[in-house]
């Protein structure tokens, strides 16, 4: 049988080797947009999954109740939580959260974390959220295990460093219903009397101290300043 297929022309055979470079030639002289990182940093999306943050109530008490649900939900086993009971008695450790318990130890291993956000979904008190901070590279593996002091949100206006009592006359549920707007004079007097010390890296006012880097991030439409201990 005769071969019905047409043979390629001489010109087709001549230009076939360079045909694969068509895309290269088409984009060779096109102006490309280059990201000048880290000199120029593009803002992330508002719901970007970056470094975690442990949030506080409006008077400074911690939202974390040490339930460990975030650790159970983590598929990479990157979170370690050890809860403890709040002790308001004389000589006790004091109150760190409005709940029965609080997170005494809280660590996130960013060598394991895959930033999936499942821990955020599991948290029943919205104590754990994710910021837009993503520059977590380091030359020391131990420094990529963040502790509670590094993850806690800084003290904002109207907040007092824990431990201190709850707002007088309010219960735990009142905190989550937004009835607490700031620390009361009674709480301020208690902190002054007991000389409560703020968390590592923060001054009594909540401002970062010397030797601690600060990173301004954007979390779900609001600006926050985080203290990051190097």
C-alpha atoms as a PDB file:
ATOM      1  CA  UNK A   1       0.000   0.000   0.000  1.00  0.00           C
ATOM      2  CA  UNK A   2       1.178   3.463  -0.799  1.00  0.00           C
ATOM      3  CA  UNK A   3       2.091   5.679   2.065  1.00  0.00           C
ATOM      4  CA  UNK A   4      -0.594   8.409   2.210  1.00  0.00           C
ATOM      5  CA  UNK A   5       1.250  10.469   4.820  1.00  0.00           C
ATOM      6  CA  UNK A   6       2.744  13.647   3.468  1.00  0.00           C
ATOM      7  CA  UNK A   7       6.410  14.125   4.061  1.00  0.00           C
ATOM      8  CA  UNK A   8       7.400  17.374   5.842  1.00  0.00           C
ATOM      9  CA  UNK A   9       8.714  20.047   3.581  1.00  0.00           C
ATOM     10  CA  UNK A  10      12.305  21.163   3.467  1.00  0.00           C
ATOM     11  CA  UNK A  11      11.498  24.366   5.427  1.00  0.00           C
ATOM     12  CA  UNK A  12       9.684  22.388   8.121  1.00  0.00           C
ATOM     13  CA  UNK A  13      12.693  20.164   8.576  1.00  0.00           C
ATOM     14  CA  UNK A  14      14.946  23.211   8.690  1.00  0.00           C
ATOM     15  CA  UNK A  15      13.053  25.081  11.432  1.00  0.00           C
ATOM     16  CA  UNK A  16      11.909  22.064  13.461  1.00  0.00           C
ATOM     17  CA  UNK A  17      14.919  22.139  15.844  1.00  0.00           C
ATOM     18  CA  UNK A  18      14.224  25.764  16.838  1.00  0.00           C
ATOM     19  CA  UNK A  19      10.458  25.371  17.065  1.00  0.00           C
ATOM     20  CA  UNK A  20      10.686  24.339  20.703  1.00  0.00           C
ATOM     21  CA  UNK A  21      12.227  27.681  21.568  1.00  0.00           C
ATOM     22  CA  UNK A  22       9.121  29.585  20.504  1.00  0.00           C
ATOM     23  CA  UNK A  23       7.972  30.231  24.081  1.00  0.00           C
ATOM     24  CA  UNK A  24      11.477  31.329  25.043  1.00  0.00           C
ATOM     25  CA  UNK A  25      11.703  33.773  22.150  1.00  0.00           C
ATOM     26  CA  UNK A  26       8.191  35.088  22.865  1.00  0.00           C
ATOM     27  CA  UNK A  27       9.013  35.940  26.507  1.00  0.00           C
ATOM     28  CA  UNK A  28      12.664  36.890  26.123  1.00  0.00           C
ATOM     29  CA  UNK A  29      11.992  40.592  25.665  1.00  0.00           C
ATOM     30  CA  UNK A  30       8.854  40.814  27.829  1.00  0.00           C
ATOM     31  CA  UNK A  31       9.144  43.026  30.916  1.00  0.00           C
ATOM     32  CA  UNK A  32       8.990  40.811  34.001  1.00  0.00           C
ATOM     33  CA  UNK A  33       8.056  41.866  37.502  1.00  0.00           C
ATOM     34  CA  UNK A  34      10.823  41.001  39.941  1.00  0.00           C
ATOM     35  CA  UNK A  35      10.214  40.798  43.691  1.00  0.00           C
ATOM     36  CA  UNK A  36      13.015  42.637  45.503  1.00  0.00           C
ATOM     37  CA  UNK A  37      12.813  40.474  48.627  1.00  0.00           C
ATOM     38  CA  UNK A  38      13.793  41.096  51.398  1.00  0.00           C
ATOM     39  CA  UNK A  39      14.321  44.793  50.659  1.00  0.00           C
ATOM     40  CA  UNK A  40      10.720  45.117  49.455  1.00  0.00           C
ATOM     41  CA  UNK A  41       8.144  42.835  51.045  1.00  0.00           C
ATOM     42  CA  UNK A  42       4.733  42.281  49.549  1.00  0.00           C
ATOM     43  CA  UNK A  43       1.830  42.302  52.019  1.00  0.00           C
ATOM     44  CA  UNK A  44       0.198  38.931  52.549  1.00  0.00           C
ATOM     45  CA  UNK A  45      -3.498  38.188  52.304  1.00  0.00           C
ATOM     46  CA  UNK A  46      -5.518  39.007  55.459  1.00  0.00           C
ATOM     47  CA  UNK A  47      -6.146  35.313  56.210  1.00  0.00           C
ATOM     48  CA  UNK A  48      -2.588  34.174  55.526  1.00  0.00           C
ATOM     49  CA  UNK A  49      -1.458  31.272  57.731  1.00  0.00           C
ATOM     50  CA  UNK A  50       1.685  32.553  59.417  1.00  0.00           C
ATOM     51  CA  UNK A  51       3.154  32.389  62.896  1.00  0.00           C
ATOM     52  CA  UNK A  52       0.745  31.553  65.726  1.00  0.00           C
ATOM     53  CA  UNK A  53      -0.374  33.884  68.495  1.00  0.00           C
ATOM     54  CA  UNK A  54      -1.918  33.195  71.904  1.00  0.00           C
ATOM     55  CA  UNK A  55      -4.529  35.875  72.522  1.00  0.00           C
ATOM     56  CA  UNK A  56      -5.646  37.639  75.688  1.00  0.00           C
ATOM     57  CA  UNK A  57      -8.872  39.008  77.078  1.00  0.00           C
ATOM     58  CA  UNK A  58      -9.319  42.775  77.318  1.00  0.00           C
ATOM     59  CA  UNK A  59      -8.012  42.888  80.903  1.00  0.00           C
ATOM     60  CA  UNK A  60      -4.890  40.833  80.138  1.00  0.00           C
ATOM     61  CA  UNK A  61      -5.997  37.364  81.250  1.00  0.00           C
ATOM     62  CA  UNK A  62      -5.150  34.588  78.794  1.00  0.00           C
ATOM     63  CA  UNK A  63      -7.801  33.003  76.603  1.00  0.00           C
ATOM     64  CA  UNK A  64      -6.043  29.628  76.589  1.00  0.00           C
ATOM     65  CA  UNK A  65      -7.576  27.207  79.133  1.00  0.00           C
ATOM     66  CA  UNK A  66      -5.059  24.404  78.604  1.00  0.00           C
ATOM     67  CA  UNK A  67      -7.564  21.981  77.059  1.00  0.00           C
ATOM     68  CA  UNK A  68      -4.916  20.572  74.655  1.00  0.00           C
ATOM     69  CA  UNK A  69      -7.407  20.249  71.777  1.00  0.00           C
ATOM     70  CA  UNK A  70      -5.008  22.081  69.470  1.00  0.00           C
ATOM     71  CA  UNK A  71      -2.293  19.525  70.232  1.00  0.00           C
ATOM     72  CA  UNK A  72      -4.673  16.633  69.532  1.00  0.00           C
ATOM     73  CA  UNK A  73      -5.776  18.205  66.236  1.00  0.00           C
ATOM     74  CA  UNK A  74      -2.240  18.845  64.965  1.00  0.00           C
ATOM     75  CA  UNK A  75      -1.427  16.277  62.242  1.00  0.00           C
ATOM     76  CA  UNK A  76       2.319  16.975  62.539  1.00  0.00           C
ATOM     77  CA  UNK A  77       2.502  16.619  66.339  1.00  0.00           C
ATOM     78  CA  UNK A  78       4.073  20.075  66.495  1.00  0.00           C
ATOM     79  CA  UNK A  79       2.234  21.429  69.567  1.00  0.00           C
ATOM     80  CA  UNK A  80       2.942  20.669  73.208  1.00  0.00           C
ATOM     81  CA  UNK A  81       0.491  21.873  75.866  1.00  0.00           C
ATOM     82  CA  UNK A  82       0.537  21.234  79.600  1.00  0.00           C
ATOM     83  CA  UNK A  83      -2.419  22.613  81.507  1.00  0.00           C
ATOM     84  CA  UNK A  84      -2.549  23.609  85.170  1.00  0.00           C
ATOM     85  CA  UNK A  85      -5.236  24.815  87.547  1.00  0.00           C
ATOM     86  CA  UNK A  86      -5.643  28.470  88.431  1.00  0.00           C
ATOM     87  CA  UNK A  87      -4.961  28.993  92.129  1.00  0.00           C
ATOM     88  CA  UNK A  88      -6.437  32.137  93.700  1.00  0.00           C
ATOM     89  CA  UNK A  89      -5.627  31.079  97.264  1.00  0.00           C
ATOM     90  CA  UNK A  90      -3.090  32.869  99.423  1.00  0.00           C
ATOM     91  CA  UNK A  91       0.366  31.751  98.389  1.00  0.00           C
ATOM     92  CA  UNK A  92      -0.948  30.171  95.208  1.00  0.00           C
ATOM     93  CA  UNK A  93       0.315  30.668  91.689  1.00  0.00           C
ATOM     94  CA  UNK A  94      -2.512  33.089  90.878  1.00  0.00           C
ATOM     95  CA  UNK A  95      -5.047  33.307  88.075  1.00  0.00           C
ATOM     96  CA  UNK A  96      -3.859  33.353  84.456  1.00  0.00           C
ATOM     97  CA  UNK A  97      -7.197  32.772  82.684  1.00  0.00           C
ATOM     98  CA  UNK A  98     -10.878  33.198  83.555  1.00  0.00           C
ATOM     99  CA  UNK A  99     -11.373  29.434  83.253  1.00  0.00           C
ATOM    100  CA  UNK A 100     -10.668  26.661  85.720  1.00  0.00           C
ATOM    101  CA  UNK A 101      -7.346  25.897  84.019  1.00  0.00           C
ATOM    102  CA  UNK A 102      -4.742  27.653  81.920  1.00  0.00           C
ATOM    103  CA  UNK A 103      -1.894  26.645  79.635  1.00  0.00           C
ATOM    104  CA  UNK A 104       1.129  26.430  81.939  1.00  0.00           C
ATOM    105  CA  UNK A 105       3.388  25.182  79.125  1.00  0.00           C
ATOM    106  CA  UNK A 106       2.762  25.969  75.473  1.00  0.00           C
ATOM    107  CA  UNK A 107       5.244  25.191  72.709  1.00  0.00           C
ATOM    108  CA  UNK A 108       5.034  25.035  68.903  1.00  0.00           C
ATOM    109  CA  UNK A 109       7.788  23.294  66.967  1.00  0.00           C
ATOM    110  CA  UNK A 110       8.085  25.139  63.652  1.00  0.00           C
ATOM    111  CA  UNK A 111      10.397  22.443  62.344  1.00  0.00           C
ATOM    112  CA  UNK A 112       7.286  20.242  62.202  1.00  0.00           C
ATOM    113  CA  UNK A 113       4.436  22.715  61.727  1.00  0.00           C
ATOM    114  CA  UNK A 114       2.834  22.587  58.258  1.00  0.00           C
ATOM    115  CA  UNK A 115       0.652  25.716  58.835  1.00  0.00           C
ATOM    116  CA  UNK A 116      -2.546  23.836  58.012  1.00  0.00           C
ATOM    117  CA  UNK A 117      -4.636  25.772  60.546  1.00  0.00           C
ATOM    118  CA  UNK A 118      -6.356  22.735  62.065  1.00  0.00           C
ATOM    119  CA  UNK A 119      -5.232  23.843  65.522  1.00  0.00           C
ATOM    120  CA  UNK A 120      -7.059  27.121  64.990  1.00  0.00           C
ATOM    121  CA  UNK A 121     -10.274  25.325  64.107  1.00  0.00           C
ATOM    122  CA  UNK A 122     -10.003  23.091  67.176  1.00  0.00           C
ATOM    123  CA  UNK A 123      -9.518  25.905  69.715  1.00  0.00           C
ATOM    124  CA  UNK A 124     -12.845  26.426  71.557  1.00  0.00           C
ATOM    125  CA  UNK A 125     -11.932  29.826  73.019  1.00  0.00           C
ATOM    126  CA  UNK A 126     -10.275  31.502  70.013  1.00  0.00           C
ATOM    127  CA  UNK A 127      -7.122  31.645  72.097  1.00  0.00           C
ATOM    128  CA  UNK A 128      -4.938  30.494  69.215  1.00  0.00           C
ATOM    129  CA  UNK A 129      -4.891  32.365  65.922  1.00  0.00           C
ATOM    130  CA  UNK A 130      -2.396  32.750  63.093  1.00  0.00           C
ATOM    131  CA  UNK A 131      -0.706  36.007  62.177  1.00  0.00           C
ATOM    132  CA  UNK A 132       0.763  37.150  58.862  1.00  0.00           C
ATOM    133  CA  UNK A 133       4.366  36.864  60.049  1.00  0.00           C
ATOM    134  CA  UNK A 134       6.228  34.305  57.913  1.00  0.00           C
ATOM    135  CA  UNK A 135       9.963  34.996  58.341  1.00  0.00           C
ATOM    136  CA  UNK A 136      10.776  32.028  60.573  1.00  0.00           C
ATOM    137  CA  UNK A 137      14.101  30.877  59.123  1.00  0.00           C
ATOM    138  CA  UNK A 138      16.943  30.379  61.593  1.00  0.00           C
ATOM    139  CA  UNK A 139      20.353  28.754  61.765  1.00  0.00           C
ATOM    140  CA  UNK A 140      19.608  27.064  65.088  1.00  0.00           C
ATOM    141  CA  UNK A 141      17.010  24.304  65.329  1.00  0.00           C
ATOM    142  CA  UNK A 142      16.326  24.986  69.016  1.00  0.00           C
ATOM    143  CA  UNK A 143      15.283  28.575  68.268  1.00  0.00           C
ATOM    144  CA  UNK A 144      12.470  27.305  66.040  1.00  0.00           C
ATOM    145  CA  UNK A 145      10.662  25.808  69.033  1.00  0.00           C
ATOM    146  CA  UNK A 146       8.600  28.768  70.213  1.00  0.00           C
ATOM    147  CA  UNK A 147       7.519  28.915  73.852  1.00  0.00           C
ATOM    148  CA  UNK A 148       4.468  30.458  75.482  1.00  0.00           C
ATOM    149  CA  UNK A 149       6.307  33.716  76.233  1.00  0.00           C
ATOM    150  CA  UNK A 150       7.105  34.141  72.539  1.00  0.00           C
ATOM    151  CA  UNK A 151       3.615  33.244  71.342  1.00  0.00           C
ATOM    152  CA  UNK A 152       1.597  35.402  73.761  1.00  0.00           C
ATOM    153  CA  UNK A 153       0.095  38.562  72.300  1.00  0.00           C
ATOM    154  CA  UNK A 154       1.658  41.738  73.714  1.00  0.00           C
ATOM    155  CA  UNK A 155      -0.168  43.712  76.349  1.00  0.00           C
ATOM    156  CA  UNK A 156      -2.428  46.298  74.750  1.00  0.00           C
ATOM    157  CA  UNK A 157      -3.887  49.425  76.328  1.00  0.00           C
ATOM    158  CA  UNK A 158      -6.018  48.565  79.334  1.00  0.00           C
ATOM    159  CA  UNK A 159      -4.405  45.155  79.913  1.00  0.00           C
ATOM    160  CA  UNK A 160      -2.440  43.961  82.938  1.00  0.00           C
ATOM    161  CA  UNK A 161       0.146  41.182  83.040  1.00  0.00           C
ATOM    162  CA  UNK A 162      -1.186  37.904  84.417  1.00  0.00           C
ATOM    163  CA  UNK A 163      -1.603  36.579  87.017  1.00  0.00           C
ATOM    164  CA  UNK A 164      -4.344  38.709  88.532  1.00  0.00           C
ATOM    165  CA  UNK A 165      -7.994  38.218  89.599  1.00  0.00           C
ATOM    166  CA  UNK A 166     -10.976  38.328  87.266  1.00  0.00           C
ATOM    167  CA  UNK A 167     -13.144  41.431  87.058  1.00  0.00           C
ATOM    168  CA  UNK A 168     -15.191  41.454  90.246  1.00  0.00           C
ATOM    169  CA  UNK A 169     -18.744  40.207  89.824  1.00  0.00           C
ATOM    170  CA  UNK A 170     -18.159  38.551  86.431  1.00  0.00           C
ATOM    171  CA  UNK A 171     -17.977  34.885  85.498  1.00  0.00           C
ATOM    172  CA  UNK A 172     -15.999  33.022  82.864  1.00  0.00           C
ATOM    173  CA  UNK A 173     -18.788  33.208  80.289  1.00  0.00           C
ATOM    174  CA  UNK A 174     -18.955  36.998  80.698  1.00  0.00           C
ATOM    175  CA  UNK A 175     -15.420  37.226  79.343  1.00  0.00           C
ATOM    176  CA  UNK A 176     -16.343  35.368  76.172  1.00  0.00           C
ATOM    177  CA  UNK A 177     -19.469  37.458  75.751  1.00  0.00           C
ATOM    178  CA  UNK A 178     -17.324  40.590  75.522  1.00  0.00           C
ATOM    179  CA  UNK A 179     -18.432  42.186  78.784  1.00  0.00           C
ATOM    180  CA  UNK A 180     -14.833  42.930  79.812  1.00  0.00           C
ATOM    181  CA  UNK A 181     -13.438  46.000  78.062  1.00  0.00           C
ATOM    182  CA  UNK A 182     -10.294  46.698  80.112  1.00  0.00           C
ATOM    183  CA  UNK A 183      -8.688  46.096  83.481  1.00  0.00           C
ATOM    184  CA  UNK A 184     -10.482  47.635  86.455  1.00  0.00           C
ATOM    185  CA  UNK A 185      -8.888  49.829  89.161  1.00  0.00           C
ATOM    186  CA  UNK A 186      -9.278  46.928  91.601  1.00  0.00           C
ATOM    187  CA  UNK A 187      -7.220  44.684  89.318  1.00  0.00           C
ATOM    188  CA  UNK A 188      -4.580  47.386  88.886  1.00  0.00           C
ATOM    189  CA  UNK A 189      -4.341  47.751  92.662  1.00  0.00           C
ATOM    190  CA  UNK A 190      -3.949  43.980  93.048  1.00  0.00           C
ATOM    191  CA  UNK A 191      -1.139  43.830  90.478  1.00  0.00           C
ATOM    192  CA  UNK A 192       0.640  46.748  92.138  1.00  0.00           C
ATOM    193  CA  UNK A 193       0.265  45.191  95.583  1.00  0.00           C
ATOM    194  CA  UNK A 194       1.566  41.793  94.496  1.00  0.00           C
ATOM    195  CA  UNK A 195       4.248  43.241  92.212  1.00  0.00           C
ATOM    196  CA  UNK A 196       3.244  40.945  89.320  1.00  0.00           C
ATOM    197  CA  UNK A 197       5.979  40.558  86.742  1.00  0.00           C
ATOM    198  CA  UNK A 198       5.165  40.825  83.000  1.00  0.00           C
ATOM    199  CA  UNK A 199       6.077  38.166  80.486  1.00  0.00           C
ATOM    200  CA  UNK A 200       9.585  37.815  79.115  1.00  0.00           C
ATOM    201  CA  UNK A 201      10.414  40.479  76.552  1.00  0.00           C
ATOM    202  CA  UNK A 202       7.723  42.952  77.619  1.00  0.00           C
ATOM    203  CA  UNK A 203       7.862  45.973  79.883  1.00  0.00           C
ATOM    204  CA  UNK A 204       5.098  46.510  82.505  1.00  0.00           C
ATOM    205  CA  UNK A 205       3.304  48.685  79.967  1.00  0.00           C
ATOM    206  CA  UNK A 206       3.356  45.870  77.429  1.00  0.00           C
ATOM    207  CA  UNK A 207       5.927  47.594  75.249  1.00  0.00           C
ATOM    208  CA  UNK A 208       8.825  45.511  73.890  1.00  0.00           C
ATOM    209  CA  UNK A 209      12.093  45.930  75.780  1.00  0.00           C
ATOM    210  CA  UNK A 210      15.615  46.307  74.472  1.00  0.00           C
ATOM    211  CA  UNK A 211      17.008  43.176  72.869  1.00  0.00           C
ATOM    212  CA  UNK A 212      13.634  41.956  71.633  1.00  0.00           C
ATOM    213  CA  UNK A 213      12.658  42.364  67.993  1.00  0.00           C
ATOM    214  CA  UNK A 214       9.149  43.547  67.185  1.00  0.00           C
ATOM    215  CA  UNK A 215       7.192  42.629  64.096  1.00  0.00           C
ATOM    216  CA  UNK A 216       4.079  44.475  62.983  1.00  0.00           C
ATOM    217  CA  UNK A 217       1.582  42.134  61.359  1.00  0.00           C
ATOM    218  CA  UNK A 218      -1.950  42.280  60.093  1.00  0.00           C
ATOM    219  CA  UNK A 219      -4.416  39.768  61.507  1.00  0.00           C
ATOM    220  CA  UNK A 220      -7.932  39.617  60.073  1.00  0.00           C
ATOM    221  CA  UNK A 221      -8.263  43.296  59.406  1.00  0.00           C
ATOM    222  CA  UNK A 222      -6.514  44.698  62.497  1.00  0.00           C
ATOM    223  CA  UNK A 223      -2.934  45.682  63.222  1.00  0.00           C
ATOM    224  CA  UNK A 224      -1.028  43.980  66.007  1.00  0.00           C
ATOM    225  CA  UNK A 225       2.543  44.238  67.185  1.00  0.00           C
ATOM    226  CA  UNK A 226       4.172  41.022  68.295  1.00  0.00           C
ATOM    227  CA  UNK A 227       7.251  40.588  70.451  1.00  0.00           C
ATOM    228  CA  UNK A 228       9.553  37.946  69.028  1.00  0.00           C
ATOM    229  CA  UNK A 229      12.449  36.779  71.159  1.00  0.00           C
ATOM    230  CA  UNK A 230      15.465  35.787  69.053  1.00  0.00           C
END
